[in-house]
Every structure is written in structure tokens, then in C-alpha cells.
Amino acid sequence: MPDLSVPGAGRLRALDAVAADTRSLLRRASKVQRQTADLGDPLVTEQGQELVVIAQRLLESLEERRRDERLLARQQIRGANRDTEQP
């Protein structure tokens, strides 16, 4: 289980893992959506569609968070490099 509470590179690795899990979940949700549509029950079909939409929104949120974390990490590295370059 990825630990999102750790700072720095550990958090980035955890976010990568959670995003990968969510991509897998989205693929499975899409498969479930197709299968539930085959049942012909409008309520179940709608729930299958909602499952895909929720998984997509979660993945988008995680991808945005990963971008933010990577940007923060780059800024911290640049700041550390500037500190070591000064006499």
C-alpha cells in the first residue's frame, strides 16, 4: 500500500503507484460498464457509467496532484542547487 504521508520522493512514488492502480481500476470499470450495458437494465447501465466517470475524475485529480508534486520537487532541487553554488 503506497504511503502518501511521507514527504519528498516517497510521496511522488506513492502517487505514481496510486495513479497506476487507478488506471487499472478505470480499465476494469470500463469493462464492467460494457458488461452492465449488456444486461439491458437502465439503472444498472447508469451505475456502470457512473463508475467509469468517477474513476476518470479520480485519475484526473491524481494526475494533477502528481504534476504539482513534481513541480514542487523541481523547485526544491533548484533551490538546493542554488544554495550549494553560493560561495
C-alpha atoms as a PDB file:
ATOM      1  CA  MET A   1       0.000   0.000   0.000  1.00  0.00           C
ATOM      2  CA  PRO A   2       1.538   3.330  -1.053  1.00  0.00           C
ATOM      3  CA  ASP A   3       2.186   5.716   1.841  1.00  0.00           C
ATOM      4  CA  LEU A   4       1.081   9.183   0.793  1.00  0.00           C
ATOM      5  CA  SER A   5       2.006  10.670   4.164  1.00  0.00           C
ATOM      6  CA  VAL A   6       5.763  10.597   3.529  1.00  0.00           C
ATOM      7  CA  PRO A   7       7.315  13.756   2.091  1.00  0.00           C
ATOM      8  CA  GLY A   8       9.512  14.224  -0.951  1.00  0.00           C
ATOM      9  CA  ALA A   9      10.387  11.445  -3.357  1.00  0.00           C
ATOM     10  CA  GLY A  10       8.462   8.897  -1.317  1.00  0.00           C
ATOM     11  CA  ARG A  11       5.229  10.793  -1.859  1.00  0.00           C
ATOM     12  CA  LEU A  12       5.927  11.008  -5.591  1.00  0.00           C
ATOM     13  CA  ARG A  13       6.459   7.247  -5.788  1.00  0.00           C
ATOM     14  CA  ALA A  14       3.268   6.696  -3.789  1.00  0.00           C
ATOM     15  CA  LEU A  15       1.297   8.995  -6.104  1.00  0.00           C
ATOM     16  CA  ASP A  16       2.702   7.134  -9.114  1.00  0.00           C
ATOM     17  CA  ALA A  17       1.549   3.849  -7.583  1.00  0.00           C
ATOM     18  CA  VAL A  18      -1.930   5.157  -6.746  1.00  0.00           C
ATOM     19  CA  ALA A  19      -2.299   6.605 -10.247  1.00  0.00           C
ATOM     20  CA  ALA A  20      -1.283   3.256 -11.744  1.00  0.00           C
ATOM     21  CA  ASP A  21      -3.839   1.491  -9.540  1.00  0.00           C
ATOM     22  CA  THR A  22      -6.485   3.979 -10.625  1.00  0.00           C
ATOM     23  CA  ARG A  23      -5.654   3.424 -14.317  1.00  0.00           C
ATOM     24  CA  SER A  24      -6.175  -0.283 -13.714  1.00  0.00           C
ATOM     25  CA  LEU A  25      -9.427   0.467 -11.924  1.00  0.00           C
ATOM     26  CA  LEU A  26     -10.562   2.599 -14.857  1.00  0.00           C
ATOM     27  CA  ARG A  27      -9.843  -0.226 -17.307  1.00  0.00           C
ATOM     28  CA  ARG A  28     -11.846  -2.607 -15.137  1.00  0.00           C
ATOM     29  CA  ALA A  29     -14.656  -0.083 -14.710  1.00  0.00           C
ATOM     30  CA  SER A  30     -14.861   0.289 -18.498  1.00  0.00           C
ATOM     31  CA  LYS A  31     -15.153  -3.475 -18.816  1.00  0.00           C
ATOM     32  CA  VAL A  32     -17.872  -3.546 -16.153  1.00  0.00           C
ATOM     33  CA  GLN A  33     -19.684  -0.728 -17.943  1.00  0.00           C
ATOM     34  CA  ARG A  34     -19.782  -2.733 -21.176  1.00  0.00           C
ATOM     35  CA  GLN A  35     -20.973  -5.825 -19.321  1.00  0.00           C
ATOM     36  CA  THR A  36     -23.691  -3.996 -17.404  1.00  0.00           C
ATOM     37  CA  ALA A  37     -24.931  -2.374 -20.610  1.00  0.00           C
ATOM     38  CA  ASP A  38     -25.461  -5.875 -21.988  1.00  0.00           C
ATOM     39  CA  LEU A  39     -27.931  -6.605 -19.187  1.00  0.00           C
ATOM     40  CA  GLY A  40     -30.423  -4.130 -20.618  1.00  0.00           C
ATOM     41  CA  ASP A  41     -31.316  -2.760 -17.166  1.00  0.00           C
ATOM     42  CA  PRO A  42     -31.257   1.054 -17.362  1.00  0.00           C
ATOM     43  CA  LEU A  43     -30.436   1.518 -13.657  1.00  0.00           C
ATOM     44  CA  VAL A  44     -27.517  -0.920 -13.737  1.00  0.00           C
ATOM     45  CA  THR A  45     -26.303   0.563 -17.021  1.00  0.00           C
ATOM     46  CA  GLU A  46     -26.348   4.045 -15.487  1.00  0.00           C
ATOM     47  CA  GLN A  47     -24.449   2.829 -12.430  1.00  0.00           C
ATOM     48  CA  GLY A  48     -21.813   1.272 -14.678  1.00  0.00           C
ATOM     49  CA  GLN A  49     -21.438   4.586 -16.483  1.00  0.00           C
ATOM     50  CA  GLU A  50     -21.143   6.439 -13.167  1.00  0.00           C
ATOM     51  CA  LEU A  51     -18.402   4.060 -12.100  1.00  0.00           C
ATOM     52  CA  VAL A  52     -16.351   4.959 -15.174  1.00  0.00           C
ATOM     53  CA  VAL A  53     -16.938   8.692 -14.699  1.00  0.00           C
ATOM     54  CA  ILE A  54     -15.853   8.550 -11.056  1.00  0.00           C
ATOM     55  CA  ALA A  55     -12.721   6.557 -11.892  1.00  0.00           C
ATOM     56  CA  GLN A  56     -11.875   9.087 -14.635  1.00  0.00           C
ATOM     57  CA  ARG A  57     -12.317  12.027 -12.258  1.00  0.00           C
ATOM     58  CA  LEU A  58     -10.157  10.341  -9.643  1.00  0.00           C
ATOM     59  CA  LEU A  59      -7.405   9.679 -12.174  1.00  0.00           C
ATOM     60  CA  GLU A  60      -7.531  13.285 -13.392  1.00  0.00           C
ATOM     61  CA  SER A  61      -7.207  14.526  -9.805  1.00  0.00           C
ATOM     62  CA  LEU A  62      -4.288  12.226  -9.117  1.00  0.00           C
ATOM     63  CA  GLU A  63      -2.538  13.240 -12.344  1.00  0.00           C
ATOM     64  CA  GLU A  64      -2.933  16.888 -11.407  1.00  0.00           C
ATOM     65  CA  ARG A  65      -1.556  16.177  -7.926  1.00  0.00           C
ATOM     66  CA  ARG A  66       1.412  14.315  -9.449  1.00  0.00           C
ATOM     67  CA  ARG A  67       2.170  17.305 -11.688  1.00  0.00           C
ATOM     68  CA  ASP A  68       2.030  19.635  -8.679  1.00  0.00           C
ATOM     69  CA  GLU A  69       4.278  17.361  -6.615  1.00  0.00           C
ATOM     70  CA  ARG A  70       6.808  17.062  -9.451  1.00  0.00           C
ATOM     71  CA  LEU A  71       6.878  20.843  -9.877  1.00  0.00           C
ATOM     72  CA  LEU A  72       7.414  21.304  -6.142  1.00  0.00           C
ATOM     73  CA  ALA A  73      10.221  18.729  -6.163  1.00  0.00           C
ATOM     74  CA  ARG A  74      11.922  20.505  -9.098  1.00  0.00           C
ATOM     75  CA  GLN A  75      11.672  23.833  -7.302  1.00  0.00           C
ATOM     76  CA  GLN A  76      13.174  22.329  -4.160  1.00  0.00           C
ATOM     77  CA  ILE A  77      16.043  20.805  -6.145  1.00  0.00           C
ATOM     78  CA  ARG A  78      16.732  24.118  -7.889  1.00  0.00           C
ATOM     79  CA  GLY A  79      16.706  25.896  -4.530  1.00  0.00           C
ATOM     80  CA  ALA A  80      19.109  23.343  -3.064  1.00  0.00           C
ATOM     81  CA  ASN A  81      21.406  23.686  -6.082  1.00  0.00           C
ATOM     82  CA  ARG A  82      21.480  27.479  -5.691  1.00  0.00           C
ATOM     83  CA  ASP A  83      22.363  27.107  -2.015  1.00  0.00           C
ATOM     84  CA  THR A  84      25.355  24.871  -2.794  1.00  0.00           C
ATOM     85  CA  GLU A  85      26.584  27.114  -5.635  1.00  0.00           C
ATOM     86  CA  GLN A  86      26.927  30.199  -3.485  1.00  0.00           C
ATOM     87  CA  PRO A  87      30.401  30.890  -2.000  1.00  0.00           C
END
